[in-house]
């Protein structure tokens, strides 16, 4: 999973065709949130933190 989907459940879902609807369900049900940096990434709070560290270094 790490190699093919950036170790991300959200990326796995998107890459296998379950993206938008499944992610929206996870956001609606709670437990997942959107990245505060408006990049469109969604995931559990720990995943959001990792996303910010990996992809928003210059903005931090």
PDB file of N, CA and C in Angstrom:
ATOM      1  N   UNK A   1       0.827  -1.190   0.000  1.00  0.00           N
ATOM      2  CA  UNK A   1       0.000   0.000   0.000  1.00  0.00           C
ATOM      3  C   UNK A   1       0.870   1.253   0.000  1.00  0.00           C
ATOM      4  N   UNK A   2       1.960   1.213   0.746  1.00  0.00           N
ATOM      5  CA  UNK A   2       2.828   2.381   0.823  1.00  0.00           C
ATOM      6  C   UNK A   2       3.386   2.793  -0.522  1.00  0.00           C
ATOM      7  N   UNK A   3       3.788   1.818  -1.303  1.00  0.00           N
ATOM      8  CA  UNK A   3       4.397   2.106  -2.595  1.00  0.00           C
ATOM      9  C   UNK A   3       3.358   2.560  -3.615  1.00  0.00           C
ATOM     10  N   UNK A   4       2.240   1.893  -3.667  1.00  0.00           N
ATOM     11  CA  UNK A   4       1.258   2.159  -4.709  1.00  0.00           C
ATOM     12  C   UNK A   4       0.243   3.245  -4.367  1.00  0.00           C
ATOM     13  N   UNK A   5       0.033   3.508  -3.098  1.00  0.00           N
ATOM     14  CA  UNK A   5      -1.023   4.457  -2.709  1.00  0.00           C
ATOM     15  C   UNK A   5      -0.541   5.463  -1.668  1.00  0.00           C
ATOM     16  N   UNK A   6       0.757   5.724  -1.644  1.00  0.00           N
ATOM     17  CA  UNK A   6       1.338   6.706  -0.710  1.00  0.00           C
ATOM     18  C   UNK A   6       0.979   6.403   0.744  1.00  0.00           C
ATOM     19  N   UNK A   7       0.785   5.139   1.076  1.00  0.00           N
ATOM     20  CA  UNK A   7       0.424   4.710   2.434  1.00  0.00           C
ATOM     21  C   UNK A   7      -0.828   5.421   2.938  1.00  0.00           C
ATOM     22  N   UNK A   8      -1.769   5.670   2.047  1.00  0.00           N
ATOM     23  CA  UNK A   8      -2.959   6.440   2.372  1.00  0.00           C
ATOM     24  C   UNK A   8      -4.217   5.672   1.988  1.00  0.00           C
ATOM     25  N   UNK A   9      -5.109   5.491   2.943  1.00  0.00           N
ATOM     26  CA  UNK A   9      -6.388   4.841   2.658  1.00  0.00           C
ATOM     27  C   UNK A   9      -7.195   5.686   1.673  1.00  0.00           C
ATOM     28  N   UNK A  10      -7.158   6.994   1.835  1.00  0.00           N
ATOM     29  CA  UNK A  10      -7.894   7.874   0.921  1.00  0.00           C
ATOM     30  C   UNK A  10      -7.394   7.704  -0.509  1.00  0.00           C
ATOM     31  N   UNK A  11      -6.083   7.622  -0.691  1.00  0.00           N
ATOM     32  CA  UNK A  11      -5.520   7.409  -2.030  1.00  0.00           C
ATOM     33  C   UNK A  11      -5.892   6.022  -2.563  1.00  0.00           C
ATOM     34  N   UNK A  12      -5.870   5.018  -1.707  1.00  0.00           N
ATOM     35  CA  UNK A  12      -6.273   3.665  -2.108  1.00  0.00           C
ATOM     36  C   UNK A  12      -7.707   3.682  -2.627  1.00  0.00           C
ATOM     37  N   UNK A  13      -8.604   4.319  -1.899  1.00  0.00           N
ATOM     38  CA  UNK A  13     -10.004   4.407  -2.319  1.00  0.00           C
ATOM     39  C   UNK A  13     -10.129   5.116  -3.662  1.00  0.00           C
ATOM     40  N   UNK A  14      -9.462   6.234  -3.800  1.00  0.00           N
ATOM     41  CA  UNK A  14      -9.538   6.997  -5.048  1.00  0.00           C
ATOM     42  C   UNK A  14      -8.950   6.205  -6.216  1.00  0.00           C
ATOM     43  N   UNK A  15      -7.823   5.568  -5.997  1.00  0.00           N
ATOM     44  CA  UNK A  15      -7.148   4.813  -7.053  1.00  0.00           C
ATOM     45  C   UNK A  15      -7.929   3.582  -7.496  1.00  0.00           C
ATOM     46  N   UNK A  16      -8.796   3.065  -6.647  1.00  0.00           N
ATOM     47  CA  UNK A  16      -9.549   1.859  -6.987  1.00  0.00           C
ATOM     48  C   UNK A  16     -11.013   2.152  -7.329  1.00  0.00           C
ATOM     49  N   UNK A  17     -11.333   3.424  -7.532  1.00  0.00           N
ATOM     50  CA  UNK A  17     -12.663   3.785  -7.995  1.00  0.00           C
ATOM     51  C   UNK A  17     -13.688   4.028  -6.914  1.00  0.00           C
ATOM     52  N   UNK A  18     -13.277   4.055  -5.663  1.00  0.00           N
ATOM     53  CA  UNK A  18     -14.230   4.296  -4.580  1.00  0.00           C
ATOM     54  C   UNK A  18     -14.075   5.694  -4.005  1.00  0.00           C
ATOM     55  N   UNK A  19     -13.382   6.546  -4.688  1.00  0.00           N
ATOM     56  CA  UNK A  19     -12.993   7.849  -4.199  1.00  0.00           C
ATOM     57  C   UNK A  19     -14.067   8.740  -3.634  1.00  0.00           C
ATOM     58  N   UNK A  20     -14.686   9.529  -4.483  1.00  0.00           N
ATOM     59  CA  UNK A  20     -15.530  10.631  -4.033  1.00  0.00           C
ATOM     60  C   UNK A  20     -16.661  10.206  -3.104  1.00  0.00           C
ATOM     61  N   UNK A  21     -17.415   9.198  -3.485  1.00  0.00           N
ATOM     62  CA  UNK A  21     -18.558   8.787  -2.661  1.00  0.00           C
ATOM     63  C   UNK A  21     -18.109   8.223  -1.317  1.00  0.00           C
ATOM     64  N   UNK A  22     -17.108   7.370  -1.316  1.00  0.00           N
ATOM     65  CA  UNK A  22     -16.624   6.777  -0.073  1.00  0.00           C
ATOM     66  C   UNK A  22     -15.997   7.808   0.843  1.00  0.00           C
ATOM     67  N   UNK A  23     -15.246   8.718   0.258  1.00  0.00           N
ATOM     68  CA  UNK A  23     -14.622   9.771   1.065  1.00  0.00           C
ATOM     69  C   UNK A  23     -15.689  10.689   1.635  1.00  0.00           C
ATOM     70  N   UNK A  24     -16.675  11.037   0.839  1.00  0.00           N
ATOM     71  CA  UNK A  24     -17.772  11.887   1.322  1.00  0.00           C
ATOM     72  C   UNK A  24     -18.518  11.201   2.472  1.00  0.00           C
ATOM     73  N   UNK A  25     -18.750   9.897   2.352  1.00  0.00           N
ATOM     74  CA  UNK A  25     -19.390   9.141   3.432  1.00  0.00           C
ATOM     75  C   UNK A  25     -18.556   9.202   4.715  1.00  0.00           C
ATOM     76  N   UNK A  26     -17.250   9.033   4.592  1.00  0.00           N
ATOM     77  CA  UNK A  26     -16.375   9.070   5.772  1.00  0.00           C
ATOM     78  C   UNK A  26     -16.382  10.453   6.409  1.00  0.00           C
ATOM     79  N   UNK A  27     -16.439  11.490   5.603  1.00  0.00           N
ATOM     80  CA  UNK A  27     -16.515  12.850   6.132  1.00  0.00           C
ATOM     81  C   UNK A  27     -17.854  13.087   6.828  1.00  0.00           C
ATOM     82  N   UNK A  28     -18.940  12.627   6.202  1.00  0.00           N
ATOM     83  CA  UNK A  28     -20.282  12.822   6.767  1.00  0.00           C
ATOM     84  C   UNK A  28     -20.474  12.065   8.073  1.00  0.00           C
ATOM     85  N   UNK A  29     -19.907  10.881   8.164  1.00  0.00           N
ATOM     86  CA  UNK A  29     -20.091  10.046   9.359  1.00  0.00           C
ATOM     87  C   UNK A  29     -19.150  10.426  10.498  1.00  0.00           C
ATOM     88  N   UNK A  30     -18.171  11.218  10.208  1.00  0.00           N
ATOM     89  CA  UNK A  30     -17.213  11.633  11.226  1.00  0.00           C
ATOM     90  C   UNK A  30     -15.981  10.750  11.220  1.00  0.00           C
ATOM     91  N   UNK A  31     -14.949  11.225  11.858  1.00  0.00           N
ATOM     92  CA  UNK A  31     -13.704  10.481  11.906  1.00  0.00           C
ATOM     93  C   UNK A  31     -12.706  10.954  10.866  1.00  0.00           C
ATOM     94  N   UNK A  32     -13.205  11.412   9.734  1.00  0.00           N
ATOM     95  CA  UNK A  32     -12.350  11.981   8.700  1.00  0.00           C
ATOM     96  C   UNK A  32     -12.652  13.463   8.597  1.00  0.00           C
ATOM     97  N   UNK A  33     -11.670  14.212   8.116  1.00  0.00           N
ATOM     98  CA  UNK A  33     -11.831  15.642   7.903  1.00  0.00           C
ATOM     99  C   UNK A  33     -11.043  16.038   6.665  1.00  0.00           C
ATOM    100  N   UNK A  34     -11.277  17.247   6.203  1.00  0.00           N
ATOM    101  CA  UNK A  34     -10.532  17.777   5.061  1.00  0.00           C
ATOM    102  C   UNK A  34      -9.297  18.510   5.558  1.00  0.00           C
ATOM    103  N   UNK A  35      -8.243  18.496   4.757  1.00  0.00           N
ATOM    104  CA  UNK A  35      -7.022  19.221   5.088  1.00  0.00           C
ATOM    105  C   UNK A  35      -7.333  20.711   5.200  1.00  0.00           C
ATOM    106  N   UNK A  36      -6.802  21.325   6.223  1.00  0.00           N
ATOM    107  CA  UNK A  36      -7.053  22.745   6.463  1.00  0.00           C
ATOM    108  C   UNK A  36      -6.334  23.641   5.462  1.00  0.00           C
ATOM    109  N   UNK A  37      -5.480  23.063   4.628  1.00  0.00           N
ATOM    110  CA  UNK A  37      -4.725  23.846   3.641  1.00  0.00           C
ATOM    111  C   UNK A  37      -5.420  23.883   2.282  1.00  0.00           C
ATOM    112  N   UNK A  38      -6.690  23.465   2.230  1.00  0.00           N
ATOM    113  CA  UNK A  38      -7.513  23.511   1.010  1.00  0.00           C
ATOM    114  C   UNK A  38      -6.899  22.785  -0.190  1.00  0.00           C
ATOM    115  N   UNK A  39      -6.237  21.661   0.069  1.00  0.00           N
ATOM    116  CA  UNK A  39      -5.659  20.886  -1.033  1.00  0.00           C
ATOM    117  C   UNK A  39      -6.600  19.785  -1.507  1.00  0.00           C
ATOM    118  N   UNK A  40      -7.710  19.574  -0.774  1.00  0.00           N
ATOM    119  CA  UNK A  40      -8.667  18.552  -1.153  1.00  0.00           C
ATOM    120  C   UNK A  40      -8.413  17.200  -0.520  1.00  0.00           C
ATOM    121  N   UNK A  41      -7.308  17.068   0.233  1.00  0.00           N
ATOM    122  CA  UNK A  41      -7.000  15.791   0.881  1.00  0.00           C
ATOM    123  C   UNK A  41      -7.966  15.570   2.038  1.00  0.00           C
ATOM    124  N   UNK A  42      -8.440  14.340   2.176  1.00  0.00           N
ATOM    125  CA  UNK A  42      -9.328  13.973   3.277  1.00  0.00           C
ATOM    126  C   UNK A  42      -8.783  12.733   3.952  1.00  0.00           C
ATOM    127  N   UNK A  43      -8.941  12.673   5.270  1.00  0.00           N
ATOM    128  CA  UNK A  43      -8.500  11.498   5.999  1.00  0.00           C
ATOM    129  C   UNK A  43      -8.680  11.676   7.489  1.00  0.00           C
ATOM    130  N   UNK A  44      -8.205  10.690   8.227  1.00  0.00           N
ATOM    131  CA  UNK A  44      -8.232  10.755   9.682  1.00  0.00           C
ATOM    132  C   UNK A  44      -7.274  11.860  10.134  1.00  0.00           C
ATOM    133  N   UNK A  45      -7.464  12.384  11.341  1.00  0.00           N
ATOM    134  CA  UNK A  45      -6.613  13.477  11.810  1.00  0.00           C
ATOM    135  C   UNK A  45      -5.109  13.198  11.684  1.00  0.00           C
ATOM    136  N   UNK A  46      -4.678  11.993  11.989  1.00  0.00           N
ATOM    137  CA  UNK A  46      -3.259  11.665  11.860  1.00  0.00           C
ATOM    138  C   UNK A  46      -2.820  11.731  10.405  1.00  0.00           C
ATOM    139  N   UNK A  47      -3.674  11.283   9.496  1.00  0.00           N
ATOM    140  CA  UNK A  47      -3.358  11.356   8.066  1.00  0.00           C
ATOM    141  C   UNK A  47      -3.279  12.798   7.592  1.00  0.00           C
ATOM    142  N   UNK A  48      -4.137  13.638   8.117  1.00  0.00           N
ATOM    143  CA  UNK A  48      -4.095  15.062   7.760  1.00  0.00           C
ATOM    144  C   UNK A  48      -2.770  15.662   8.212  1.00  0.00           C
ATOM    145  N   UNK A  49      -2.345  15.344   9.423  1.00  0.00           N
ATOM    146  CA  UNK A  49      -1.060  15.833   9.929  1.00  0.00           C
ATOM    147  C   UNK A  49       0.080  15.372   9.033  1.00  0.00           C
ATOM    148  N   UNK A  50       0.066  14.105   8.648  1.00  0.00           N
ATOM    149  CA  UNK A  50       1.103  13.582   7.755  1.00  0.00           C
ATOM    150  C   UNK A  50       1.055  14.271   6.395  1.00  0.00           C
ATOM    151  N   UNK A  51      -0.137  14.511   5.876  1.00  0.00           N
ATOM    152  CA  UNK A  51      -0.292  15.198   4.598  1.00  0.00           C
ATOM    153  C   UNK A  51       0.318  16.598   4.664  1.00  0.00           C
ATOM    154  N   UNK A  52       0.059  17.308   5.736  1.00  0.00           N
ATOM    155  CA  UNK A  52       0.603  18.661   5.888  1.00  0.00           C
ATOM    156  C   UNK A  52       2.128  18.608   5.952  1.00  0.00           C
ATOM    157  N   UNK A  53       2.669  17.665   6.720  1.00  0.00           N
ATOM    158  CA  UNK A  53       4.126  17.534   6.819  1.00  0.00           C
ATOM    159  C   UNK A  53       4.772  17.223   5.478  1.00  0.00           C
ATOM    160  N   UNK A  54       4.134  16.326   4.714  1.00  0.00           N
ATOM    161  CA  UNK A  54       4.717  15.883   3.440  1.00  0.00           C
ATOM    162  C   UNK A  54       4.518  16.869   2.296  1.00  0.00           C
ATOM    163  N   UNK A  55       3.350  17.488   2.239  1.00  0.00           N
ATOM    164  CA  UNK A  55       3.007  18.254   1.047  1.00  0.00           C
ATOM    165  C   UNK A  55       2.884  19.756   1.256  1.00  0.00           C
ATOM    166  N   UNK A  56       2.982  20.212   2.470  1.00  0.00           N
ATOM    167  CA  UNK A  56       2.820  21.645   2.722  1.00  0.00           C
ATOM    168  C   UNK A  56       3.986  22.199   3.540  1.00  0.00           C
ATOM    169  N   UNK A  57       5.157  21.647   3.377  1.00  0.00           N
ATOM    170  CA  UNK A  57       6.340  22.061   4.147  1.00  0.00           C
ATOM    171  C   UNK A  57       6.605  23.551   4.009  1.00  0.00           C
ATOM    172  N   UNK A  58       6.500  24.071   2.800  1.00  0.00           N
ATOM    173  CA  UNK A  58       6.806  25.483   2.551  1.00  0.00           C
ATOM    174  C   UNK A  58       5.797  26.416   3.194  1.00  0.00           C
ATOM    175  N   UNK A  59       4.565  25.925   3.417  1.00  0.00           N
ATOM    176  CA  UNK A  59       3.509  26.763   3.981  1.00  0.00           C
ATOM    177  C   UNK A  59       3.515  26.776   5.503  1.00  0.00           C
ATOM    178  N   UNK A  60       4.199  25.831   6.119  1.00  0.00           N
ATOM    179  CA  UNK A  60       4.170  25.679   7.580  1.00  0.00           C
ATOM    180  C   UNK A  60       4.895  26.764   8.273  1.00  0.00           C
TER     181      UNK A  60
END
